[in-house]
Protein backbone atom coordinates (compact mmCIF):
# COMPACT_ATOMS: atom_id res chain seq x y z
CA MET A 1 -0.15 0.14 -0.21
CA LYS A 2 1.46 3.37 -1.17
CA ARG A 3 1.70 5.84 1.65
CA GLY A 4 1.47 9.62 1.36
CA LYS A 5 4.04 12.11 2.49
CA LYS A 6 2.24 13.16 5.53
CA TYR A 7 2.23 9.26 6.62
CA LEU A 8 5.75 8.83 6.24
CA GLU A 9 6.75 12.09 7.80
CA ALA A 10 4.40 11.04 10.73
CA ALA A 11 5.83 7.51 10.87
CA LYS A 12 9.39 8.66 11.46
CA ALA A 13 8.70 9.86 14.86
CA ILE A 14 7.56 6.28 15.85
CA ASP A 15 9.88 3.37 16.63
CA LYS A 16 7.99 0.48 15.10
CA ALA A 17 9.94 -2.12 17.28
CA ALA A 18 9.41 -0.02 20.55
CA LEU A 19 6.71 -0.51 23.24
CA TYR A 20 5.70 2.81 24.74
CA GLU A 21 4.53 3.78 27.86
CA LYS A 22 0.83 5.03 27.98
CA ASP A 23 1.41 8.74 28.23
CA GLU A 24 4.21 8.88 25.40
CA ALA A 25 1.98 6.51 23.22
CA VAL A 26 -0.93 8.87 23.59
CA ALA A 27 1.28 11.89 22.83
CA LEU A 28 2.66 10.05 19.68
CA ALA A 29 -0.54 8.95 18.37
CA LYS A 30 -2.07 12.53 18.84
CA LYS A 31 1.10 13.89 17.02
CA ALA A 32 0.67 11.60 14.15
CA ALA A 33 -2.83 12.81 13.13
CA VAL A 34 -1.61 15.11 10.43
CA ALA A 35 -4.77 14.93 8.22
CA LYS A 36 -6.93 18.03 7.26
CA PHE A 37 -9.80 16.87 9.60
CA ASP A 38 -10.06 16.22 13.29
CA GLU A 39 -8.91 12.52 13.25
CA THR A 40 -10.37 9.82 15.79
CA ILE A 41 -7.73 7.99 17.84
CA GLU A 42 -8.48 4.52 18.23
CA ALA A 43 -7.15 1.90 20.47
CA HIS A 44 -6.71 -1.86 18.74
CA ILE A 45 -6.37 -4.34 21.42
CA ARG A 46 -5.33 -7.92 20.61
CA THR A 47 -6.56 -10.39 23.33
CA GLY A 48 -5.73 -13.97 23.80
CA CYS A 49 -9.46 -14.76 23.80
CA ASP A 50 -10.97 -17.33 21.58
CA GLY A 51 -14.32 -15.89 20.60
CA ARG A 52 -15.57 -19.16 19.30
CA HIS A 53 -16.10 -20.11 22.72
CA ALA A 54 -19.29 -18.26 24.37
CA GLU A 55 -17.57 -18.03 27.82
CA GLN A 56 -14.69 -16.22 26.09
CA GLN A 57 -16.76 -13.68 24.24
CA ILE A 58 -16.09 -10.01 25.58
CA ARG A 59 -18.75 -7.47 25.11
CA GLY A 60 -19.57 -4.55 27.23
CA ALA A 61 -19.79 -0.82 27.30
CA VAL A 62 -18.09 2.06 29.09
CA VAL A 63 -18.74 5.82 29.55
CA LEU A 64 -15.43 7.71 28.70
CA PRO A 65 -14.92 10.56 30.83
CA HIS A 66 -14.44 12.96 28.03
CA GLY A 67 -16.50 11.54 25.55
CA THR A 68 -15.50 10.53 22.01
CA GLY A 69 -15.94 13.83 20.18
CA LYS A 70 -18.43 12.47 17.94
CA THR A 71 -21.97 13.30 18.09
CA VAL A 72 -24.06 10.19 18.31
CA ARG A 73 -27.59 9.68 16.85
CA VAL A 74 -29.75 7.50 19.27
CA LEU A 75 -32.66 5.50 17.83
CA VAL A 76 -35.10 4.30 20.63
CA PHE A 77 -37.79 1.47 20.03
CA ALA A 78 -40.13 1.87 22.91
CA LYS A 79 -44.13 2.31 23.56
CA GLY A 80 -46.38 4.03 25.77
CA THR A 81 -44.72 6.25 28.56
CA LYS A 82 -41.26 5.29 27.43
CA VAL A 83 -41.47 6.94 24.35
CA ASP A 84 -42.17 10.35 26.15
CA GLU A 85 -39.20 9.36 28.35
CA ALA A 86 -36.73 8.70 25.46
CA GLN A 87 -37.76 11.82 23.70
CA ALA A 88 -37.12 13.70 26.91
CA ALA A 89 -33.61 12.21 27.37
CA GLY A 90 -32.75 13.55 24.05
CA ALA A 91 -33.16 10.66 21.90
CA ASP A 92 -32.75 11.67 18.16
CA PHE A 93 -35.49 9.26 16.81
CA VAL A 94 -38.08 7.22 19.00
CA GLY A 95 -40.81 4.64 17.51
CA GLY A 96 -42.02 1.07 17.30
CA GLU A 97 -43.38 -1.14 14.55
CA GLU A 98 -43.77 1.62 12.09
CA LEU A 99 -39.91 1.94 11.87
CA ILE A 100 -39.50 -1.69 10.71
CA PRO A 101 -40.26 -1.10 6.86
CA LYS A 102 -38.40 1.98 6.89
CA ILE A 103 -35.23 0.24 8.14
CA GLN A 104 -35.96 -2.98 6.25
CA ASN A 105 -37.20 -1.78 2.71
CA GLU A 106 -36.10 1.83 2.62
CA GLY A 107 -32.47 1.29 4.04
CA TRP A 108 -33.02 4.14 6.53
CA LEU A 109 -29.88 3.85 9.04
CA ASP A 110 -29.35 7.58 9.93
CA PHE A 111 -28.46 6.46 13.43
CA ASP A 112 -25.32 5.22 15.36
CA VAL A 113 -26.90 3.36 18.46
CA VAL A 114 -30.11 1.52 18.89
CA VAL A 115 -31.80 1.20 22.27
CA ALA A 116 -34.78 -0.74 22.90
CA THR A 117 -36.94 -1.57 26.03
CA PRO A 118 -37.08 -5.32 26.65
CA ASP A 119 -40.82 -5.51 25.39
CA MET A 120 -39.91 -4.12 21.97
CA MET A 121 -37.22 -6.85 21.29
CA GLY A 122 -39.70 -9.21 19.43
CA VAL A 123 -40.25 -6.10 17.08
CA VAL A 124 -36.63 -5.27 16.87
CA GLY A 125 -35.48 -8.85 16.45
CA ARG A 126 -37.11 -8.88 13.00
CA LEU A 127 -34.35 -6.49 11.90
CA GLY A 128 -31.74 -8.88 13.13
CA ARG A 129 -30.29 -9.38 9.53
CA VAL A 130 -30.10 -5.72 8.75
CA LEU A 131 -28.86 -4.38 12.22
CA GLY A 132 -26.62 -7.52 13.29
CA PRO A 133 -24.07 -7.27 10.65
CA LYS A 134 -23.70 -3.29 11.31
CA GLY A 135 -23.18 -4.12 15.06
CA LEU A 136 -26.39 -1.99 15.89
CA MET A 137 -28.30 -4.84 17.28
CA PRO A 138 -29.48 -3.91 21.10
CA ASN A 139 -27.75 -6.03 23.83
CA PRO A 140 -28.27 -6.28 27.44
CA LYS A 141 -24.54 -6.60 28.06
CA ALA A 142 -24.06 -3.35 26.39
CA GLY A 143 -26.93 -1.50 28.50
CA THR A 144 -28.95 -0.94 25.04
CA VAL A 145 -31.91 -3.18 26.18
CA THR A 146 -33.31 -1.74 29.15
CA MET A 147 -36.44 -0.03 30.79
CA ASP A 148 -34.25 2.86 32.02
CA VAL A 149 -34.10 4.47 28.54
CA THR A 150 -33.26 8.03 30.19
CA LYS A 151 -30.05 6.44 31.75
CA ALA A 152 -29.18 4.47 28.46
CA VAL A 153 -29.67 7.83 26.21
CA ASN A 154 -27.89 10.12 28.74
CA ASP A 155 -24.99 7.55 28.81
CA ILE A 156 -24.60 7.22 25.36
CA LYS A 157 -24.74 11.11 24.41
CA ALA A 158 -22.17 11.57 27.17
CA GLY A 159 -19.44 9.29 25.44
CA LYS A 160 -20.61 5.80 26.04
CA ILE A 161 -18.79 3.10 23.73
CA GLU A 162 -19.21 -0.47 23.22
CA TYR A 163 -16.40 -2.88 23.15
CA ARG A 164 -16.51 -6.42 21.53
CA LEU A 165 -14.26 -8.89 20.17
CA ASP A 166 -14.00 -9.11 16.21
CA LYS A 167 -13.54 -12.37 14.50
CA ASN A 168 -9.69 -12.10 14.94
CA ASN A 169 -10.40 -11.55 18.79
CA ILE A 170 -9.49 -7.95 18.46
CA ILE A 171 -11.21 -5.08 20.30
CA HIS A 172 -11.44 -1.67 18.08
CA VAL A 173 -12.64 1.32 19.77
CA PRO A 174 -12.37 5.22 19.94
CA ILE A 175 -10.74 7.10 22.94
CA GLY A 176 -11.27 10.22 21.32
CA LYS A 177 -10.28 13.00 18.81
CA ALA A 178 -6.65 14.15 17.93
CA SER A 179 -8.02 17.70 19.30
CA PHE A 180 -8.36 16.30 22.73
CA THR A 181 -5.71 17.05 25.09
CA GLU A 182 -3.09 14.36 25.99
CA GLU A 183 -4.49 14.13 29.47
CA GLN A 184 -8.23 13.56 28.22
CA LEU A 185 -7.00 10.90 25.59
CA ALA A 186 -4.99 9.24 28.40
CA ASN A 187 -8.10 9.19 30.84
CA ASN A 188 -10.42 7.77 28.29
CA PHE A 189 -7.64 5.18 27.33
CA GLN A 190 -7.27 4.06 30.87
CA THR A 191 -10.95 4.08 31.89
CA LEU A 192 -11.45 1.87 28.61
CA MET A 193 -8.74 -0.46 29.77
CA ASP A 194 -9.93 -0.70 33.39
CA ALA A 195 -13.38 -1.91 31.89
CA ILE A 196 -11.60 -4.46 29.43
CA ASN A 197 -9.25 -5.63 32.39
CA LYS A 198 -12.50 -6.28 34.48
CA ALA A 199 -14.40 -8.18 31.52
CA LYS A 200 -11.39 -10.99 31.66
CA PRO A 201 -13.03 -14.44 31.10
CA SER A 202 -12.42 -16.54 34.06
CA SER A 203 -11.79 -19.78 31.69
CA LEU A 204 -9.21 -17.98 30.07
CA LYS A 205 -5.69 -19.59 30.13
CA GLY A 206 -2.62 -17.63 29.22
CA GLN A 207 -2.13 -14.10 28.34
CA TYR A 208 -5.26 -12.02 28.18
CA ILE A 209 -4.02 -8.64 26.69
CA LYS A 210 -1.44 -9.57 23.96
CA SER A 211 -0.92 -6.18 22.27
CA ILE A 212 -2.15 -2.65 22.02
CA THR A 213 -1.67 -0.12 19.30
CA LEU A 214 -3.16 3.32 19.34
CA ALA A 215 -3.70 4.97 15.90
CA PRO A 216 -5.15 8.07 14.35
CA THR A 217 -7.72 7.37 11.47
CA MET A 218 -5.11 8.23 8.77
CA GLY A 219 -1.87 7.92 10.69
CA PRO A 220 0.51 4.99 11.70
CA GLY A 221 0.11 3.16 14.89
CA VAL A 222 2.13 3.35 18.09
CA LYS A 223 2.44 0.15 20.10
CA VAL A 224 1.75 0.41 23.90
CA ASN A 225 3.64 -1.42 26.63
CA VAL A 226 0.88 -3.70 27.89
CA VAL A 227 2.30 -4.39 31.55
CA LYS A 228 1.09 -1.00 33.17
CA VAL A 229 -2.35 -1.04 31.59
CA ALA A 230 -3.23 -4.68 31.35
CA GLN A 231 -3.79 -7.11 34.37
């Protein structure tokens, strides 16, 4: 893959073979964001889990103290008084059965997170084929299937992110924007790692966190020394 001049310039400051301490890694990842837009800084965490075993699946959510820097559009499936509750909490879209054809047939997907009350999961389940592959299906572990729609919407708007293993047993999550201060990014990253450390499957033998790389959207990755941030 041919790399641009800016990428190559940014990469010179990073020693590919080195494992950097958390604060230095954050500073380098922030500095490597040289695109003309406010790049997202992402954490890529390779685990020793085997996601083919249900007990080694990792999935959860955590509210980042400084948010993600992204405006998140929330769709809530609810009925009765929960509709008003969701709207009052600031949900961008609220509805029920009538949204099914809009999503299924018209391909409407102008939202980033879907929340549903448990009594609506029968309806939402019919959208599994559309929402599932996009990672938008509500899930109790992520706090997106709940009767407390106010808390769910507030948390998401405040910077709640979901983490889960991909098919290669890697977790990919944003920890903020390049415009954040180094301290904000470091706080967000540590909060994320605390949550992932707590989510360690009890059945796992061997090393849990194998490697961590921080990288801006368009820039080179910075390897983090996992000893201090992983348990």
